[in-house]
Amino acid sequence: MKPTVTLKPTRLVAIVVSVSSVLAACGGGEGATITVAAETAPSSSVVESTSPVTSPTASTTPDTTTTAPVELPSFPLTGLPITDAAWIDRPALIAKIDNAPGAWPQSGLVAADIVYEENVESWTRFAAVFHSQGADPVGPIRSGRTQDISLGTSLDRPLLVWSGGNDTVTSLINKSDLVNMSVREAGPNGGYYRSSDKRAPHNLFTKTSAIWAAEEGRGGRPSAQFTYRSPSDAVSWRPVTGVKVNMDGNMRSSWEWDERTELFVRSHKDDPHVEADGTRVSTHNVVILVCEYKTSVADSRSPEAQTTGEGVAWVFTGGSMVTGTWSRADKNSAWTLTADDGTEIALTPGRTWVQLIRKGQAAEVPAGQAISDVDWP
């Protein structure tokens, strides 16, 4: 759903000039144990959207001209209009968020532009990508995996927020295009702290605002990872109730279309997936990508999703579903989604949740059926 933008005339000019200038210039183990004082977690930051206002111009003759509405450039990771020109140049931030039961409820997932859910050892873990919004707090933060390098490289030097990893993972991260912003590397200005409401290792949190402030210009400006449709374009694929997914470790989740909010809402098994502040986890787009998993060079127990090449894709958007294929030439490339009829799959502008599954780990829930009517895959 396209937000309305309201700006005073002087602010609008500043944004257009600033953005025009920008465009013209064109698995591992946990990290070292730390002792951090607990602090009260602030609420997640929210971006407020605003709409162009035109000032009247004095004239002695009737003005018969018409002024076309000003179209602001879009955030690359959501396809939504930019609400603050200063944010377009900040780097993407990837937070590795825990999904083991001891980590529930999490914080920050609903503020991420893109969330990747990946198989790890007997569980899943989230790589939540922030750019157009931030989350204070975000977490629980856990360790990274070698598969995060391929996922993150196309974001152009994103900041990796993680608790650390074994020597091999850490070495590979440091040699990659990802900017290491672990507890150790970010230092005291990284905003990391231990909460008192969970047990270690499921209680490490940070603030995206602190990480962005501490990155010292090392990150780059991300480019689009998906193609987005115009909000005025109708979705013509088959209507659907949702989808059920059963990833490694019997990590069962489902997505159900909520016509009232025009979002897919998520459940853990049969229970609503809610964040620490009570917000239901939701998204505009659910993208199911079937990947081959190989063994990570860093740990023989750690699966590594192969996210280059091609595979089967199921895309859920606007209350509809389309099947097709995904392709990605290399780790520097964005995702290409192609429907079975050969047309490009464009997502609804907004937030996207990507689940990197093995073959057979997802089941469609057709329109007219309840989530409970379909067996878990």
Protein backbone atom coordinates (compact mmCIF):
# COMPACT_ATOMS: atom_id res chain seq x y z
CA MET A 1 0.00 0.00 0.00
CA LYS A 2 1.62 3.27 -1.10
CA PRO A 3 2.02 5.73 1.79
CA THR A 4 0.82 9.31 1.45
CA VAL A 5 3.60 11.91 1.59
CA THR A 6 3.09 15.36 3.17
CA LEU A 7 5.92 17.85 3.15
CA LYS A 8 6.24 21.57 3.51
CA PRO A 9 7.38 23.18 0.24
CA THR A 10 10.86 23.98 1.55
CA ARG A 11 11.33 20.41 2.80
CA LEU A 12 10.19 18.92 -0.52
CA VAL A 13 12.73 20.99 -2.46
CA ALA A 14 15.48 19.86 -0.10
CA ILE A 15 14.59 16.22 -0.65
CA VAL A 16 14.39 16.46 -4.44
CA VAL A 17 17.68 18.34 -4.67
CA SER A 18 19.45 15.97 -2.29
CA VAL A 19 18.23 12.81 -4.02
CA SER A 20 18.98 14.24 -7.47
CA SER A 21 22.53 14.91 -6.36
CA VAL A 22 22.84 11.34 -5.13
CA LEU A 23 21.56 9.91 -8.43
CA ALA A 24 23.80 12.16 -10.46
CA ALA A 25 26.85 10.98 -8.54
CA CYS A 26 26.16 7.73 -9.87
CA GLY A 27 28.06 -22.67 10.79
CA GLY A 28 29.94 -21.01 13.24
CA GLY A 29 29.87 -20.94 17.01
CA GLU A 30 28.94 -17.92 19.07
CA GLY A 31 31.43 -15.14 19.60
CA ALA A 32 33.38 -14.46 22.74
CA THR A 33 31.30 -14.16 25.90
CA ILE A 34 30.76 -10.58 26.89
CA THR A 35 29.46 -8.92 30.01
CA VAL A 36 27.19 -6.04 29.23
CA ALA A 37 25.03 -4.13 31.62
CA ALA A 38 21.32 -4.68 31.10
CA GLU A 39 19.26 -1.67 30.17
CA THR A 40 15.65 -0.93 29.48
CA ALA A 41 14.88 -1.62 25.83
CA PRO A 42 13.30 1.36 24.06
CA SER A 43 10.43 0.81 21.65
CA SER A 44 11.10 0.21 17.96
CA SER A 45 11.46 3.29 15.81
CA VAL A 46 8.73 3.92 13.28
CA VAL A 47 8.99 5.86 10.05
CA GLU A 48 6.12 8.27 9.62
CA SER A 49 5.09 8.94 6.08
CA THR A 50 4.20 12.43 4.88
CA SER A 51 2.31 14.11 1.18
CA PRO A 52 3.50 16.94 -1.15
CA VAL A 53 1.83 20.28 -0.57
CA THR A 54 1.89 23.02 -3.25
CA SER A 55 2.15 26.69 -2.17
CA PRO A 56 -0.08 29.14 -4.07
CA THR A 57 1.80 31.54 -6.37
CA ALA A 58 0.70 35.16 -6.69
CA SER A 59 -0.23 36.11 -10.27
CA THR A 60 -2.06 38.96 -11.99
CA THR A 61 -3.35 36.67 -14.74
CA PRO A 62 -5.31 33.44 -14.50
CA ASP A 63 -3.04 30.40 -14.28
CA THR A 64 -4.21 27.81 -16.80
CA THR A 65 -1.23 25.47 -16.37
CA THR A 66 -1.44 22.22 -14.47
CA THR A 67 1.30 20.89 -12.22
CA ALA A 68 2.07 17.20 -12.33
CA PRO A 69 2.36 15.58 -8.89
CA VAL A 70 5.91 15.20 -7.66
CA GLU A 71 7.07 11.59 -7.61
CA LEU A 72 9.75 10.97 -5.00
CA PRO A 73 12.37 8.29 -5.65
CA SER A 74 11.81 4.98 -3.89
CA PHE A 75 13.70 3.11 -1.22
CA PRO A 76 15.54 0.32 -3.06
CA LEU A 77 14.61 -2.49 -0.65
CA THR A 78 10.87 -1.76 -0.42
CA GLY A 79 9.90 0.18 -3.54
CA LEU A 80 8.14 2.72 -1.29
CA PRO A 81 8.70 6.50 -1.63
CA ILE A 82 11.65 7.97 0.24
CA THR A 83 10.46 9.84 3.32
CA ASP A 84 13.85 11.25 4.31
CA ALA A 85 16.54 11.90 1.69
CA ALA A 86 19.31 11.51 4.28
CA TRP A 87 18.47 7.81 4.65
CA ILE A 88 19.06 6.86 1.02
CA ASP A 89 22.84 6.93 1.45
CA ARG A 90 23.05 4.95 4.65
CA PRO A 91 24.12 1.32 4.29
CA ALA A 92 21.86 -1.68 4.66
CA LEU A 93 22.14 -3.37 8.04
CA ILE A 94 21.80 -7.15 8.39
CA ALA A 95 20.89 -8.33 11.89
CA LYS A 96 21.23 -12.06 12.64
CA ILE A 97 18.19 -12.72 14.83
CA ASP A 98 17.67 -15.84 16.92
CA ASN A 99 14.65 -18.09 16.27
CA ALA A 100 15.19 -20.79 18.89
CA PRO A 101 12.29 -21.03 21.38
CA GLY A 102 14.40 -19.38 24.08
CA ALA A 103 14.58 -16.25 21.92
CA TRP A 104 10.83 -15.75 21.59
CA PRO A 105 9.48 -13.10 21.40
CA GLN A 106 11.93 -11.22 19.20
CA SER A 107 12.20 -7.49 18.51
CA GLY A 108 12.61 -5.63 15.24
CA LEU A 109 11.38 -8.11 12.63
CA VAL A 110 8.42 -5.98 11.51
CA ALA A 111 10.69 -2.98 10.85
CA ALA A 112 13.00 -4.87 8.47
CA ASP A 113 12.70 -4.22 4.74
CA ILE A 114 13.62 -7.85 3.95
CA VAL A 115 13.84 -10.86 6.24
CA TYR A 116 15.62 -14.02 5.09
CA GLU A 117 14.77 -17.17 7.04
CA GLU A 118 17.50 -19.79 6.68
CA ASN A 119 18.04 -23.31 7.95
CA VAL A 120 20.81 -23.61 10.55
CA GLU A 121 21.67 -26.49 12.89
CA SER A 122 18.28 -27.97 13.93
CA TRP A 123 16.58 -24.54 13.83
CA THR A 124 16.06 -21.57 11.59
CA ARG A 125 17.60 -18.13 11.96
CA PHE A 126 16.68 -14.74 10.51
CA ALA A 127 18.88 -12.37 8.53
CA ALA A 128 16.82 -9.17 8.88
CA VAL A 129 17.82 -6.39 6.47
CA PHE A 130 17.15 -2.82 7.60
CA HIS A 131 17.42 0.32 5.48
CA SER A 132 14.23 2.41 5.22
CA GLN A 133 13.48 1.91 8.93
CA GLY A 134 15.38 1.06 12.06
CA ALA A 135 14.60 -0.89 15.21
CA ASP A 136 15.62 0.08 18.73
CA PRO A 137 15.95 -2.58 20.06
CA VAL A 138 16.64 -5.44 17.66
CA GLY A 139 17.35 -9.03 18.63
CA PRO A 140 18.12 -11.40 20.17
CA ILE A 141 21.35 -11.23 18.14
CA ARG A 142 23.14 -14.50 17.41
CA SER A 143 26.05 -15.80 15.35
CA GLY A 144 26.49 -15.62 11.59
CA ARG A 145 26.95 -18.35 9.00
CA THR A 146 28.91 -18.65 5.77
CA GLN A 147 25.61 -18.52 3.83
CA ASP A 148 25.18 -14.91 4.98
CA ILE A 149 28.06 -13.84 2.73
CA SER A 150 26.27 -14.79 -0.49
CA LEU A 151 22.98 -13.30 0.75
CA GLY A 152 24.54 -10.01 1.81
CA THR A 153 27.14 -9.24 -0.86
CA SER A 154 24.62 -7.83 -3.35
CA LEU A 155 23.66 -5.16 -0.81
CA ASP A 156 27.02 -3.36 -1.36
CA ARG A 157 28.99 -3.50 1.89
CA PRO A 158 26.12 -3.98 4.35
CA LEU A 159 26.73 -3.84 8.10
CA LEU A 160 26.59 -7.33 9.65
CA VAL A 161 25.18 -7.23 13.17
CA TRP A 162 26.01 -10.56 14.83
CA SER A 163 27.35 -11.99 18.04
CA GLY A 164 30.42 -13.43 16.28
CA GLY A 165 31.38 -16.85 15.00
CA ASN A 166 34.11 -19.46 14.96
CA ASP A 167 37.52 -18.62 13.51
CA THR A 168 36.67 -19.78 9.99
CA VAL A 169 33.37 -17.87 9.78
CA THR A 170 34.99 -14.75 11.23
CA SER A 171 37.89 -14.93 8.77
CA LEU A 172 35.55 -15.36 5.80
CA ILE A 173 33.32 -12.48 6.95
CA ASN A 174 36.35 -10.22 7.35
CA LYS A 175 37.52 -11.08 3.82
CA SER A 176 34.05 -10.49 2.34
CA ASP A 177 32.24 -7.29 1.36
CA LEU A 178 30.23 -7.42 4.57
CA VAL A 179 31.23 -4.88 7.25
CA ASN A 180 31.83 -6.74 10.51
CA MET A 181 29.83 -5.01 13.25
CA SER A 182 29.93 -7.81 15.80
CA VAL A 183 30.02 -7.17 19.53
CA ARG A 184 33.82 -7.16 19.48
CA GLU A 185 34.26 -5.08 16.31
CA ALA A 186 31.57 -2.50 17.02
CA GLY A 187 32.95 -1.89 20.50
CA PRO A 188 31.30 0.14 23.26
CA ASN A 189 29.53 2.42 20.76
CA GLY A 190 27.74 -0.49 19.09
CA GLY A 191 24.78 -0.35 21.48
CA TYR A 192 24.93 -4.03 22.49
CA TYR A 193 23.46 -5.06 25.82
CA ARG A 194 22.11 -8.13 27.63
CA SER A 195 18.44 -8.08 28.55
CA SER A 196 17.25 -9.42 31.88
CA ASP A 197 14.08 -11.11 30.59
CA LYS A 198 15.82 -13.95 28.71
CA ARG A 199 18.68 -16.33 29.44
CA ALA A 200 22.00 -16.24 27.61
CA PRO A 201 22.71 -16.80 24.78
CA HIS A 202 19.20 -15.65 23.83
CA ASN A 203 19.36 -12.20 25.42
CA LEU A 204 21.83 -10.12 23.36
CA PHE A 205 20.28 -7.01 21.79
CA THR A 206 21.44 -3.83 20.12
CA LYS A 207 20.01 -0.72 18.43
CA THR A 208 20.17 -0.08 14.71
CA SER A 209 20.60 3.64 15.44
CA ALA A 210 23.79 2.92 17.40
CA ILE A 211 25.19 0.63 14.69
CA TRP A 212 24.56 3.17 11.93
CA ALA A 213 26.18 5.89 14.05
CA ALA A 214 29.27 3.72 14.65
CA GLU A 215 29.87 2.46 11.09
CA GLU A 216 32.16 5.39 10.11
CA GLY A 217 31.28 5.41 6.43
CA ARG A 218 32.46 1.88 5.65
CA GLY A 219 29.12 0.69 4.26
CA GLY A 220 27.67 1.35 0.81
CA ARG A 221 24.26 2.32 -0.54
CA PRO A 222 22.16 -0.79 -1.32
CA SER A 223 20.53 -1.41 -4.67
CA ALA A 224 17.15 -3.07 -5.27
CA GLN A 225 17.02 -6.83 -4.65
CA PHE A 226 13.58 -7.37 -6.24
CA THR A 227 11.34 -5.72 -8.83
CA TYR A 228 8.21 -3.96 -7.53
CA ARG A 229 4.92 -3.34 -9.30
CA SER A 230 3.14 -0.01 -9.35
CA PRO A 231 0.58 0.19 -6.53
CA SER A 232 -2.05 0.88 -9.20
CA ASP A 233 -1.31 -2.40 -11.00
CA ALA A 234 -3.77 -5.13 -10.12
CA VAL A 235 -2.52 -8.53 -8.97
CA SER A 236 -3.92 -11.06 -11.43
CA TRP A 237 -2.62 -14.36 -10.03
CA ARG A 238 -4.78 -16.96 -8.33
CA PRO A 239 -6.30 -16.03 -4.95
CA VAL A 240 -4.88 -17.91 -1.97
CA THR A 241 -5.42 -18.24 1.78
CA GLY A 242 -1.73 -18.60 2.52
CA VAL A 243 1.09 -21.10 2.93
CA LYS A 244 2.44 -23.50 5.57
CA VAL A 245 6.18 -24.08 5.93
CA ASN A 246 8.06 -26.72 7.92
CA MET A 247 11.78 -25.97 7.89
CA ASP A 248 14.62 -27.83 9.65
CA GLY A 249 14.16 -28.77 13.28
CA ASN A 250 10.38 -28.99 12.82
CA MET A 251 10.27 -25.18 12.69
CA ARG A 252 6.67 -24.78 11.60
CA SER A 253 5.28 -21.45 10.51
CA SER A 254 2.36 -20.27 8.39
CA TRP A 255 1.34 -17.12 6.56
CA GLU A 256 -2.32 -16.16 6.16
CA TRP A 257 -3.71 -13.33 4.02
CA ASP A 258 -5.46 -10.67 6.10
CA GLU A 259 -7.75 -8.76 3.74
CA ARG A 260 -8.40 -6.03 6.31
CA THR A 261 -4.73 -4.98 6.59
CA GLU A 262 -3.72 -6.26 3.13
CA LEU A 263 -0.82 -8.11 4.74
CA PHE A 264 0.18 -11.73 5.27
CA VAL A 265 0.32 -12.47 9.01
CA ARG A 266 2.62 -15.10 10.49
CA SER A 267 2.08 -17.85 13.03
CA HIS A 268 4.50 -20.11 14.89
CA LYS A 269 2.80 -23.48 14.47
CA ASP A 270 -0.75 -22.66 15.60
CA ASP A 271 0.05 -19.53 17.60
CA PRO A 272 0.31 -15.96 16.28
CA HIS A 273 3.94 -14.87 15.92
CA VAL A 274 4.15 -11.65 17.92
CA GLU A 275 7.06 -9.43 18.85
CA ALA A 276 8.02 -8.37 22.37
CA ASP A 277 5.79 -5.30 22.15
CA GLY A 278 2.81 -7.40 21.05
CA THR A 279 2.99 -6.52 17.34
CA ARG A 280 1.94 -9.36 15.03
CA VAL A 281 4.67 -10.32 12.57
CA SER A 282 3.43 -9.48 9.08
CA THR A 283 4.67 -8.70 5.59
CA HIS A 284 3.48 -7.50 2.19
CA ASN A 285 5.25 -10.29 0.27
CA VAL A 286 6.16 -13.89 1.11
CA VAL A 287 8.76 -15.35 -1.24
CA ILE A 288 9.44 -19.08 -0.92
CA LEU A 289 12.69 -20.11 -2.63
CA VAL A 290 13.67 -23.77 -2.94
CA CYS A 291 17.45 -24.00 -2.46
CA GLU A 292 20.02 -26.73 -2.33
CA TYR A 293 21.80 -26.87 1.02
CA LYS A 294 25.43 -27.96 1.18
CA THR A 295 27.77 -28.32 4.13
CA SER A 296 29.54 -25.17 5.29
CA VAL A 297 33.34 -25.17 5.17
CA ALA A 298 33.26 -23.60 8.63
CA ASP A 299 31.40 -26.42 10.40
CA SER A 300 30.38 -29.86 9.17
CA ARG A 301 27.14 -29.55 11.14
CA SER A 302 26.14 -26.28 9.50
CA PRO A 303 23.97 -26.24 6.35
CA GLU A 304 24.72 -23.60 3.73
CA ALA A 305 21.96 -22.40 1.39
CA GLN A 306 23.08 -22.12 -2.23
CA THR A 307 21.58 -18.80 -3.25
CA THR A 308 23.13 -18.43 -6.69
CA GLY A 309 21.95 -20.35 -9.74
CA GLU A 310 18.24 -21.04 -10.02
CA GLY A 311 15.38 -22.92 -8.42
CA VAL A 312 11.64 -23.10 -7.81
CA ALA A 313 9.89 -20.01 -6.45
CA TRP A 314 6.47 -19.48 -4.91
CA VAL A 315 5.45 -15.84 -4.49
CA PHE A 316 2.57 -14.67 -2.32
CA THR A 317 1.50 -11.04 -2.71
CA GLY A 318 -1.74 -9.07 -2.68
CA GLY A 319 -3.71 -12.09 -1.50
CA SER A 320 -2.58 -14.08 -4.54
CA MET A 321 0.01 -16.70 -5.41
CA VAL A 322 2.16 -17.32 -8.47
CA THR A 323 4.64 -20.12 -9.11
CA GLY A 324 7.79 -19.83 -11.14
CA THR A 325 11.56 -19.80 -10.79
CA TRP A 326 14.21 -17.71 -9.09
CA SER A 327 17.61 -17.02 -10.59
CA ARG A 328 20.72 -15.19 -9.44
CA ALA A 329 23.87 -15.11 -11.55
CA ASP A 330 26.31 -14.59 -8.67
CA LYS A 331 26.51 -13.19 -5.15
CA ASN A 332 26.72 -9.62 -6.51
CA SER A 333 23.39 -9.99 -8.33
CA ALA A 334 19.84 -9.21 -7.25
CA TRP A 335 17.06 -11.80 -7.43
CA THR A 336 15.15 -12.39 -10.67
CA LEU A 337 11.70 -13.95 -10.22
CA THR A 338 10.00 -15.36 -13.32
CA ALA A 339 6.47 -16.78 -13.48
CA ASP A 340 5.75 -20.10 -15.19
CA ASP A 341 4.33 -18.18 -18.15
CA GLY A 342 7.66 -16.38 -18.65
CA THR A 343 6.60 -12.99 -17.28
CA GLU A 344 8.51 -11.16 -14.57
CA ILE A 345 7.13 -11.41 -11.04
CA ALA A 346 6.94 -7.95 -9.48
CA LEU A 347 6.31 -7.64 -5.75
CA THR A 348 3.96 -5.30 -3.91
CA PRO A 349 5.88 -2.25 -2.64
CA GLY A 350 6.59 -2.84 1.03
CA ARG A 351 8.25 -5.42 3.25
CA THR A 352 9.29 -8.87 2.02
CA TRP A 353 9.90 -12.15 3.88
CA VAL A 354 12.04 -14.73 2.05
CA GLN A 355 12.13 -18.34 3.24
CA LEU A 356 15.06 -20.40 1.93
CA ILE A 357 13.59 -23.90 2.08
CA ARG A 358 14.56 -27.38 1.02
CA LYS A 359 12.37 -29.15 -1.51
CA GLY A 360 9.07 -30.26 0.02
CA GLN A 361 9.13 -27.90 3.01
CA ALA A 362 6.12 -25.77 1.94
CA ALA A 363 2.42 -26.41 1.28
CA GLU A 364 -0.03 -23.99 -0.37
CA VAL A 365 -3.33 -23.27 1.40
CA PRO A 366 -5.80 -22.62 -1.47
CA ALA A 367 -8.46 -19.95 -1.36
CA GLY A 368 -11.60 -21.14 0.40
CA GLN A 369 -9.67 -23.38 2.80
CA ALA A 370 -8.53 -22.54 6.33
CA ILE A 371 -4.92 -22.82 7.38
CA SER A 372 -5.91 -25.74 9.61
CA ASP A 373 -7.45 -27.62 6.66
CA VAL A 374 -4.02 -28.29 5.09
CA ASP A 375 -1.49 -30.69 6.62
CA TRP A 376 2.00 -29.56 7.47
CA PRO A 377 4.49 -30.46 4.73
